[in-house]
Amino acid sequence: MSSPPNGWVNHALREIADLVGGGTPSRSEPAYFGGGIPWVTPTDLPPIGTVTTLGPVAESITNEGLARSSAKLVPAGSVLYSSRASIGKIAVADRPCSTNQGFANFVPRDGRVDSWFLAYLLCRYTPEITGLAGTTTFKEVSKKKLGDLRVPVPPAISEQRRIVARIDELMERVDEVRDLRAANLATSGALLPALLKEQFAGINGTWPSETIGAITAESRYGTSEKCSPDNGGTPVLRIPNVADRRCNLENLKYLPHEVSPDDRLSLAEGDILVVRTNGSPDLVGRCAVVPRLDRVFGYASYLIRLRLDAARARPRYVAYFLSSTFGRDQISKLRRTSAGQFNINGKAIASIKLPLPPLPVQDELIDRMDRIDASVRDTRARLAAQADRDSLLPAAILRKAFAGEL
């Protein structure tokens, strides 16, 4: 490996910590489980890239289970490291515990390495450690390969702890930035409905109100026929394909037969698809306007198709209204709950009221709301891109820390 930072020494991991494996007591012996020894599996640990203290674990074993298996008791301060399948999950044990066989556990040697320094060091070198597993389908790094891995370590424990404190400080700032980004992204999600509300508030009272039912030529539920990913028949739009007033034509499923253009289940340009049932209340009432399609499409039973009276209403105008706070408030009052599912039926959708100006005025409003929509989308895209860049910061901090630059 490369030369260590000035004053640091390259050590094989086995020179600074003892490696201890894990095991699983026989599941056929109930007496081996439910004792006082925490028994850790990779699912108990945080995602790869996060270093934390060991939290609650799902299972425990007895002293007999420990004695009659290859599980080992490791002391508090040990660094638990998943070395099989999900390589690189890490926690510092705050109490004596055992692990299953998916771990290589590091017990730091006194005076050689601080537990948290070692934990962060292992996190930094996880990409290299993963490379030691080779290219097999089931990835696993042997304790021998781990023990032979050479890493840079400052000799003084006090210097190691100073670096850990600096890492903790910087990671805390990263968490603050992430929280702010997440809050801004959440706020931006509510921005468009509020801005659309302003547009409709500006015409409320100026033009007569009308129900969606009065301007709908046809309302129909979709097919409950079983679909599959095999492209052997008619593509069907489902709830995942309805997003932000636009139809997403990716990840389609198909009916096993062809649907004719005049079939009651076929879609036409300008149809509005409305989500009528879902486990999430925010998804109920979400809508999308069907674009011009190059083939016949159907739609699933969890959706309602609205085909408007073209002489009275523009589909995109109605879709914008349903997405505004005015529309969402009415949907919230009309939806019902049953068996953990939120629902709105065709009759309820038909009762929703909206201001209905002449078509030329609707066109003007659509142009204005298109500009607002584009601006909000741009803002959300920039926030998402910033969040993606933020996700790279922890690894960058660790690279600098173990290059001796902190």
Protein backbone atom coordinates (compact mmCIF):
# COMPACT_ATOMS: atom_id res chain seq x y z
CA MET A 1 0.00 0.00 0.00
CA SER A 2 1.05 3.67 -0.18
CA SER A 3 3.30 5.32 2.37
CA PRO A 4 1.54 6.30 5.61
CA PRO A 5 1.13 9.96 6.64
CA ASN A 6 4.13 11.50 8.39
CA GLY A 7 4.60 9.96 11.83
CA TRP A 8 2.08 7.16 11.20
CA VAL A 9 2.92 3.47 10.81
CA ASN A 10 1.43 0.89 8.46
CA HIS A 11 0.18 -2.08 10.47
CA ALA A 12 -1.53 -5.31 9.53
CA LEU A 13 -4.92 -5.28 11.24
CA ARG A 14 -3.95 -8.42 13.20
CA GLU A 15 -1.10 -6.42 14.80
CA ILE A 16 -3.45 -3.92 16.43
CA ALA A 17 -6.51 -6.07 17.17
CA ASP A 18 -7.49 -9.67 17.75
CA LEU A 19 -9.98 -11.03 15.22
CA VAL A 20 -12.81 -13.10 16.64
CA GLY A 21 -15.49 -14.83 14.59
CA GLY A 22 -19.07 -15.69 15.40
CA GLY A 23 -21.53 -18.53 15.12
CA THR A 24 -25.13 -19.62 15.38
CA PRO A 25 -26.34 -22.04 18.05
CA SER A 26 -28.61 -24.83 16.83
CA ARG A 27 -32.12 -23.52 16.23
CA SER A 28 -33.47 -26.94 17.18
CA GLU A 29 -32.51 -26.30 20.81
CA PRO A 30 -34.79 -23.64 22.34
CA ALA A 31 -32.62 -23.61 25.47
CA TYR A 32 -29.83 -21.97 23.46
CA PHE A 33 -31.80 -18.79 22.83
CA GLY A 34 -33.41 -16.13 24.99
CA GLY A 35 -30.62 -15.79 27.53
CA GLY A 36 -28.70 -12.78 28.71
CA ILE A 37 -26.04 -12.61 25.99
CA PRO A 38 -26.84 -10.24 23.09
CA TRP A 39 -26.48 -12.12 19.80
CA VAL A 40 -25.89 -9.75 16.90
CA THR A 41 -26.70 -10.32 13.24
CA PRO A 42 -26.00 -7.89 10.37
CA THR A 43 -29.64 -6.76 10.36
CA ASP A 44 -29.08 -5.29 13.84
CA LEU A 45 -26.44 -2.90 12.51
CA PRO A 46 -26.87 0.45 10.72
CA PRO A 47 -26.39 0.79 6.94
CA ILE A 48 -22.94 0.53 5.41
CA GLY A 49 -21.12 3.85 5.75
CA THR A 50 -22.50 4.58 9.24
CA VAL A 51 -20.44 4.02 12.38
CA THR A 52 -22.33 3.91 15.65
CA THR A 53 -22.61 2.30 19.07
CA LEU A 54 -24.34 -1.08 19.11
CA GLY A 55 -28.02 -0.51 19.76
CA PRO A 56 -30.81 -2.95 20.63
CA VAL A 57 -30.54 -6.39 19.05
CA ALA A 58 -33.33 -8.74 18.08
CA GLU A 59 -32.03 -11.91 19.72
CA SER A 60 -29.98 -13.19 22.62
CA ILE A 61 -28.45 -16.53 23.54
CA THR A 62 -27.78 -18.43 26.73
CA ASN A 63 -24.46 -19.45 28.23
CA GLU A 64 -25.22 -22.99 27.04
CA GLY A 65 -25.87 -21.72 23.50
CA LEU A 66 -22.55 -19.88 23.60
CA ALA A 67 -20.68 -22.94 24.88
CA ARG A 68 -22.20 -25.32 22.34
CA SER A 69 -21.61 -23.23 19.22
CA SER A 70 -18.82 -21.37 17.50
CA ALA A 71 -20.21 -18.08 18.79
CA LYS A 72 -17.73 -16.18 20.97
CA LEU A 73 -18.20 -13.56 23.67
CA VAL A 74 -16.45 -10.31 22.78
CA PRO A 75 -15.94 -7.49 25.30
CA ALA A 76 -17.36 -3.98 25.28
CA GLY A 77 -15.24 -1.81 23.00
CA SER A 78 -14.98 -4.48 20.33
CA VAL A 79 -15.61 -3.36 16.77
CA LEU A 80 -18.24 -5.55 15.12
CA TYR A 81 -17.71 -5.79 11.36
CA SER A 82 -19.96 -7.70 8.96
CA SER A 83 -17.70 -9.64 6.63
CA ARG A 84 -20.21 -11.70 4.65
CA ALA A 85 -22.77 -10.66 2.00
CA SER A 86 -23.31 -7.09 3.27
CA ILE A 87 -19.65 -6.34 3.88
CA GLY A 88 -18.94 -3.27 5.98
CA LYS A 89 -21.70 -2.85 8.54
CA ILE A 90 -20.03 -1.54 11.70
CA ALA A 91 -20.85 -0.96 15.35
CA VAL A 92 -18.78 -0.48 18.48
CA ALA A 93 -20.01 -2.82 21.23
CA ASP A 94 -21.08 -0.98 24.39
CA ARG A 95 -21.53 -4.27 26.25
CA PRO A 96 -20.23 -7.83 26.02
CA CYS A 97 -21.97 -9.61 23.14
CA SER A 98 -21.73 -12.36 20.57
CA THR A 99 -22.40 -12.38 16.83
CA ASN A 100 -23.38 -14.83 14.15
CA GLN A 101 -20.91 -16.17 11.61
CA GLY A 102 -21.39 -13.18 9.31
CA PHE A 103 -18.91 -11.14 11.35
CA ALA A 104 -15.22 -10.62 11.85
CA ASN A 105 -15.02 -8.86 15.22
CA PHE A 106 -12.01 -6.77 16.19
CA VAL A 107 -10.93 -6.64 19.82
CA PRO A 108 -8.46 -3.71 20.02
CA ARG A 109 -5.16 -4.40 21.78
CA ASP A 110 -4.45 -2.10 24.69
CA GLY A 111 -2.21 0.79 23.77
CA ARG A 112 -2.28 -0.02 20.06
CA VAL A 113 -5.56 1.34 18.77
CA ASP A 114 -8.65 3.16 20.02
CA SER A 115 -11.96 1.38 19.36
CA TRP A 116 -13.57 4.30 17.55
CA PHE A 117 -10.45 5.05 15.54
CA LEU A 118 -10.46 1.42 14.40
CA ALA A 119 -14.18 1.56 13.59
CA TYR A 120 -13.75 4.66 11.40
CA LEU A 121 -10.62 3.15 9.87
CA LEU A 122 -12.53 0.03 8.86
CA CYS A 123 -15.29 2.19 7.41
CA ARG A 124 -12.73 4.12 5.36
CA TYR A 125 -11.21 0.90 3.99
CA THR A 126 -14.46 -0.98 3.36
CA PRO A 127 -14.20 -0.52 -0.44
CA GLU A 128 -10.75 -2.14 -0.35
CA ILE A 129 -11.98 -4.85 2.02
CA THR A 130 -14.92 -5.60 -0.27
CA GLY A 131 -12.41 -6.03 -3.09
CA LEU A 132 -10.75 -8.80 -1.09
CA ALA A 133 -13.96 -10.84 -1.36
CA GLY A 134 -13.42 -11.38 -5.08
CA THR A 135 -16.20 -11.58 -7.65
CA THR A 136 -18.24 -14.53 -6.36
CA THR A 137 -22.01 -14.16 -6.04
CA PHE A 138 -21.91 -14.65 -2.26
CA LYS A 139 -19.24 -12.23 -1.08
CA GLU A 140 -17.27 -13.00 2.04
CA VAL A 141 -13.91 -11.81 3.33
CA SER A 142 -11.92 -14.30 5.35
CA LYS A 143 -10.46 -13.32 8.73
CA LYS A 144 -7.01 -14.11 7.35
CA LYS A 145 -7.34 -11.58 4.52
CA LEU A 146 -8.74 -9.03 6.92
CA GLY A 147 -5.96 -9.61 9.39
CA ASP A 148 -3.31 -9.22 6.67
CA LEU A 149 -4.73 -5.90 5.42
CA ARG A 150 -2.23 -3.13 6.17
CA VAL A 151 -3.60 0.22 7.32
CA PRO A 152 -2.04 3.51 8.53
CA VAL A 153 -2.19 4.18 12.27
CA PRO A 154 -0.66 7.00 14.35
CA PRO A 155 1.25 5.44 17.27
CA ALA A 156 -0.18 7.70 19.98
CA ILE A 157 -3.65 6.83 21.30
CA SER A 158 -4.11 10.52 22.15
CA GLU A 159 -3.63 11.43 18.46
CA GLN A 160 -6.07 8.72 17.41
CA ARG A 161 -8.66 10.13 19.80
CA ARG A 162 -8.06 13.68 18.55
CA ILE A 163 -8.75 12.47 15.00
CA VAL A 164 -11.91 10.66 16.17
CA ALA A 165 -13.15 13.84 17.85
CA ARG A 166 -12.53 15.80 14.66
CA ILE A 167 -14.33 13.15 12.57
CA ASP A 168 -17.29 13.25 14.98
CA GLU A 169 -17.42 17.04 14.75
CA LEU A 170 -17.42 17.03 10.95
CA MET A 171 -19.94 14.17 10.75
CA GLU A 172 -22.25 16.12 13.05
CA ARG A 173 -22.07 19.09 10.67
CA VAL A 174 -22.83 16.78 7.73
CA ASP A 175 -25.90 15.50 9.59
CA GLU A 176 -27.05 19.08 10.16
CA VAL A 177 -26.65 19.85 6.46
CA ARG A 178 -28.52 16.68 5.50
CA ASP A 179 -31.37 17.55 7.88
CA LEU A 180 -31.62 21.04 6.37
CA ARG A 181 -31.63 19.64 2.83
CA ALA A 182 -34.33 17.11 3.77
CA ALA A 183 -36.45 19.85 5.36
CA ASN A 184 -36.03 22.08 2.31
CA LEU A 185 -36.95 19.23 -0.02
CA ALA A 186 -40.05 18.45 2.05
CA THR A 187 -41.03 22.11 2.06
CA SER A 188 -40.54 22.35 -1.69
CA GLY A 189 -42.95 19.40 -2.08
CA ALA A 190 -45.71 21.55 -0.57
CA LEU A 191 -44.69 24.60 -2.59
CA LEU A 192 -46.42 23.77 -5.88
CA PRO A 193 -49.89 23.05 -4.41
CA ALA A 194 -49.70 26.35 -2.52
CA LEU A 195 -48.59 28.31 -5.61
CA LEU A 196 -51.31 26.67 -7.68
CA LYS A 197 -53.82 27.64 -5.00
CA GLU A 198 -52.87 31.28 -5.56
CA GLN A 199 -53.71 30.96 -9.24
CA PHE A 200 -57.13 29.48 -8.55
CA ALA A 201 -57.80 31.92 -5.71
CA GLY A 202 -57.30 34.71 -8.22
CA ILE A 203 -60.23 33.49 -10.35
CA ASN A 204 -62.53 32.23 -7.58
CA GLY A 205 -65.74 34.24 -7.77
CA THR A 206 -64.83 35.62 -11.18
CA TRP A 207 -66.07 32.55 -13.00
CA PRO A 208 -68.86 30.14 -12.06
CA SER A 209 -68.00 26.95 -10.19
CA GLU A 210 -68.78 23.56 -11.63
CA THR A 211 -68.38 19.98 -10.48
CA ILE A 212 -65.96 17.61 -12.15
CA GLY A 213 -68.91 15.34 -12.84
CA ALA A 214 -70.62 18.04 -14.86
CA ILE A 215 -67.64 18.47 -17.18
CA THR A 216 -66.85 14.75 -17.50
CA ALA A 217 -68.16 12.88 -20.51
CA GLU A 218 -67.15 9.49 -19.10
CA SER A 219 -65.74 8.13 -15.84
CA ARG A 220 -64.59 4.52 -15.63
CA TYR A 221 -62.59 2.22 -13.37
CA GLY A 222 -59.68 0.22 -14.81
CA THR A 223 -59.10 -3.48 -15.25
CA SER A 224 -58.54 -5.92 -12.39
CA GLU A 225 -57.22 -8.52 -14.83
CA LYS A 226 -53.82 -9.96 -13.87
CA CYS A 227 -50.87 -8.31 -15.61
CA SER A 228 -47.26 -9.41 -15.95
CA PRO A 229 -43.89 -7.84 -16.91
CA ASP A 230 -43.86 -9.93 -20.09
CA ASN A 231 -44.37 -7.73 -23.14
CA GLY A 232 -46.92 -9.97 -24.79
CA GLY A 233 -50.04 -7.87 -25.00
CA THR A 234 -51.42 -4.47 -24.01
CA PRO A 235 -49.38 -2.24 -21.67
CA VAL A 236 -51.26 -1.14 -18.56
CA LEU A 237 -50.69 2.04 -16.57
CA ARG A 238 -50.69 1.53 -12.80
CA ILE A 239 -50.28 3.72 -9.71
CA PRO A 240 -46.46 3.98 -10.13
CA ASN A 241 -47.06 5.39 -13.62
CA VAL A 242 -49.13 8.29 -12.27
CA ALA A 243 -46.87 11.07 -11.01
CA ASP A 244 -47.12 14.87 -10.83
CA ARG A 245 -49.81 15.21 -13.53
CA ARG A 246 -47.63 13.28 -15.98
CA CYS A 247 -47.71 9.65 -17.05
CA ASN A 248 -44.47 7.77 -16.48
CA LEU A 249 -44.23 5.08 -19.16
CA GLU A 250 -41.43 3.08 -17.47
CA ASN A 251 -41.65 -0.27 -15.65
CA LEU A 252 -44.84 -1.24 -17.44
CA LYS A 253 -46.89 -4.37 -16.97
CA TYR A 254 -48.97 -6.00 -19.68
CA LEU A 255 -52.28 -7.75 -20.23
CA PRO A 256 -51.84 -11.11 -21.99
CA HIS A 257 -54.04 -9.96 -24.91
CA GLU A 258 -54.47 -6.96 -27.20
CA VAL A 259 -57.01 -4.23 -26.44
CA SER A 260 -58.65 -2.44 -29.35
CA PRO A 261 -58.59 1.38 -29.55
CA ASP A 262 -62.37 1.58 -28.98
CA ASP A 263 -62.34 -0.78 -25.99
CA ARG A 264 -63.78 0.64 -22.77
CA LEU A 265 -60.38 0.11 -21.08
CA SER A 266 -58.28 1.90 -23.71
CA LEU A 267 -56.70 5.28 -23.06
CA ALA A 268 -56.79 8.33 -25.29
CA GLU A 269 -54.74 11.52 -25.33
CA GLY A 270 -56.16 13.94 -22.76
CA ASP A 271 -57.69 11.33 -20.45
CA ILE A 272 -57.05 12.02 -16.76
CA LEU A 273 -56.04 9.08 -14.55
CA VAL A 274 -56.81 9.49 -10.85
CA VAL A 275 -55.48 7.21 -8.09
CA ARG A 276 -58.53 6.01 -6.20
CA THR A 277 -57.04 3.73 -3.50
CA ASN A 278 -53.70 3.36 -1.75
CA GLY A 279 -52.15 2.80 1.66
CA SER A 280 -50.80 6.35 1.57
CA PRO A 281 -53.38 9.15 1.86
CA ASP A 282 -51.12 11.50 -0.09
CA LEU A 283 -51.31 9.25 -3.15
CA VAL A 284 -55.10 9.09 -3.21
CA GLY A 285 -56.33 11.67 -5.73
CA ARG A 286 -52.98 12.00 -7.46
CA CYS A 287 -53.58 12.43 -11.15
CA ALA A 288 -51.87 12.45 -14.54
CA VAL A 289 -52.91 13.53 -18.02
CA VAL A 290 -52.43 10.85 -20.66
CA PRO A 291 -50.10 12.03 -23.46
CA ARG A 292 -50.30 11.03 -27.10
CA LEU A 293 -49.45 7.33 -27.20
CA ASP A 294 -47.97 5.33 -30.07
CA ARG A 295 -49.98 2.21 -29.17
CA VAL A 296 -53.09 1.22 -27.25
CA PHE A 297 -52.73 1.34 -23.46
CA GLY A 298 -55.05 0.12 -20.71
CA TYR A 299 -55.13 1.09 -17.03
CA ALA A 300 -55.41 -0.75 -13.71
CA SER A 301 -58.40 -1.01 -11.38
CA TYR A 302 -56.79 1.23 -8.74
CA LEU A 303 -57.19 4.11 -11.17
CA ILE A 304 -60.22 6.02 -12.43
CA ARG A 305 -60.20 7.38 -15.97
CA LEU A 306 -61.87 10.75 -16.51
CA ARG A 307 -62.66 11.67 -20.10
CA LEU A 308 -63.68 15.33 -20.11
CA ASP A 309 -66.13 17.25 -22.25
CA ALA A 310 -63.59 18.88 -24.59
CA ALA A 311 -65.92 21.83 -25.22
CA ARG A 312 -65.88 22.79 -21.54
CA ALA A 313 -62.57 21.89 -19.90
CA ARG A 314 -58.89 21.34 -20.63
CA PRO A 315 -57.50 18.19 -19.01
CA ARG A 316 -54.34 19.95 -17.81
CA TYR A 317 -56.40 22.73 -16.21
CA VAL A 318 -58.41 20.15 -14.25
CA ALA A 319 -55.22 18.22 -13.33
CA TYR A 320 -53.61 21.39 -12.01
CA PHE A 321 -56.71 22.11 -9.92
CA LEU A 322 -56.71 18.60 -8.42
CA SER A 323 -53.02 19.11 -7.54
CA SER A 324 -53.62 22.50 -5.91
CA THR A 325 -54.35 22.97 -2.22
CA PHE A 326 -57.98 23.69 -3.16
CA GLY A 327 -58.24 20.31 -4.88
CA ARG A 328 -56.26 18.38 -2.28
CA ASP A 329 -58.39 19.79 0.54
CA GLN A 330 -61.56 18.53 -1.12
CA ILE A 331 -60.00 15.13 -1.79
CA SER A 332 -58.93 14.86 1.88
CA LYS A 333 -62.51 15.46 3.02
CA LEU A 334 -63.97 12.99 0.54
CA ARG A 335 -61.61 10.05 0.93
CA ARG A 336 -62.48 7.17 3.25
CA THR A 337 -60.45 4.55 5.12
CA SER A 338 -61.01 0.80 5.13
CA ALA A 339 -58.67 -1.96 6.30
CA GLY A 340 -55.67 0.35 6.24
CA GLN A 341 -56.41 1.59 2.72
CA PHE A 342 -57.47 5.12 1.80
CA ASN A 343 -60.09 5.36 -0.94
CA ILE A 344 -62.02 7.83 -3.04
CA ASN A 345 -64.69 6.65 -5.47
CA GLY A 346 -65.89 8.00 -8.78
CA LYS A 347 -68.97 9.61 -7.25
CA ALA A 348 -66.83 11.54 -4.76
CA ILE A 349 -64.45 12.72 -7.48
CA ALA A 350 -67.42 13.84 -9.55
CA SER A 351 -68.58 16.05 -6.66
CA ILE A 352 -65.35 18.08 -6.49
CA LYS A 353 -65.99 21.71 -7.41
CA LEU A 354 -63.68 24.00 -9.36
CA PRO A 355 -63.92 27.42 -11.00
CA LEU A 356 -64.59 27.00 -14.72
CA PRO A 357 -63.59 29.93 -16.94
CA PRO A 358 -63.87 29.81 -20.76
CA LEU A 359 -61.31 27.67 -22.61
CA PRO A 360 -59.10 30.65 -23.67
CA VAL A 361 -58.76 31.67 -20.01
CA GLN A 362 -58.00 28.07 -19.03
CA ASP A 363 -55.23 28.07 -21.67
CA GLU A 364 -53.73 31.25 -20.21
CA LEU A 365 -53.79 29.77 -16.72
CA ILE A 366 -52.21 26.55 -17.97
CA ASP A 367 -49.33 28.52 -19.51
CA ARG A 368 -48.82 30.41 -16.25
CA MET A 369 -48.95 27.26 -14.14
CA ASP A 370 -46.58 25.47 -16.53
CA ARG A 371 -44.00 28.15 -15.76
CA ILE A 372 -44.58 27.79 -12.02
CA ASP A 373 -44.36 24.00 -12.31
CA ALA A 374 -41.08 24.21 -14.25
CA SER A 375 -39.60 26.57 -11.66
CA VAL A 376 -40.56 24.31 -8.75
CA ARG A 377 -39.24 21.23 -10.55
CA ASP A 378 -35.94 23.01 -11.16
CA THR A 379 -35.72 23.94 -7.47
CA ARG A 380 -36.43 20.39 -6.38
CA ALA A 381 -33.91 19.00 -8.87
CA ARG A 382 -31.21 21.31 -7.52
CA LEU A 383 -32.02 20.34 -3.92
CA ALA A 384 -31.90 16.65 -4.84
CA ALA A 385 -28.55 17.13 -6.62
CA GLN A 386 -27.17 18.92 -3.56
CA ALA A 387 -28.40 16.06 -1.36
CA ASP A 388 -26.62 13.58 -3.64
CA ARG A 389 -23.39 15.56 -3.27
CA ASP A 390 -23.89 15.71 0.51
CA SER A 391 -24.05 11.90 0.59
CA LEU A 392 -20.42 11.84 -0.58
CA LEU A 393 -19.18 13.96 2.32
CA PRO A 394 -18.75 11.23 4.99
CA ALA A 395 -16.47 9.18 2.74
CA ALA A 396 -14.50 12.33 1.84
CA ILE A 397 -14.05 13.14 5.53
CA LEU A 398 -12.71 9.66 6.24
CA ARG A 399 -10.34 9.80 3.28
CA LYS A 400 -8.87 13.03 4.62
CA ALA A 401 -8.77 11.74 8.19
CA PHE A 402 -6.71 8.69 7.28
CA ALA A 403 -4.50 10.62 4.93
CA GLY A 404 -3.41 12.62 7.97
CA GLU A 405 -5.17 15.79 6.78
CA LEU A 406 -7.37 16.42 9.83
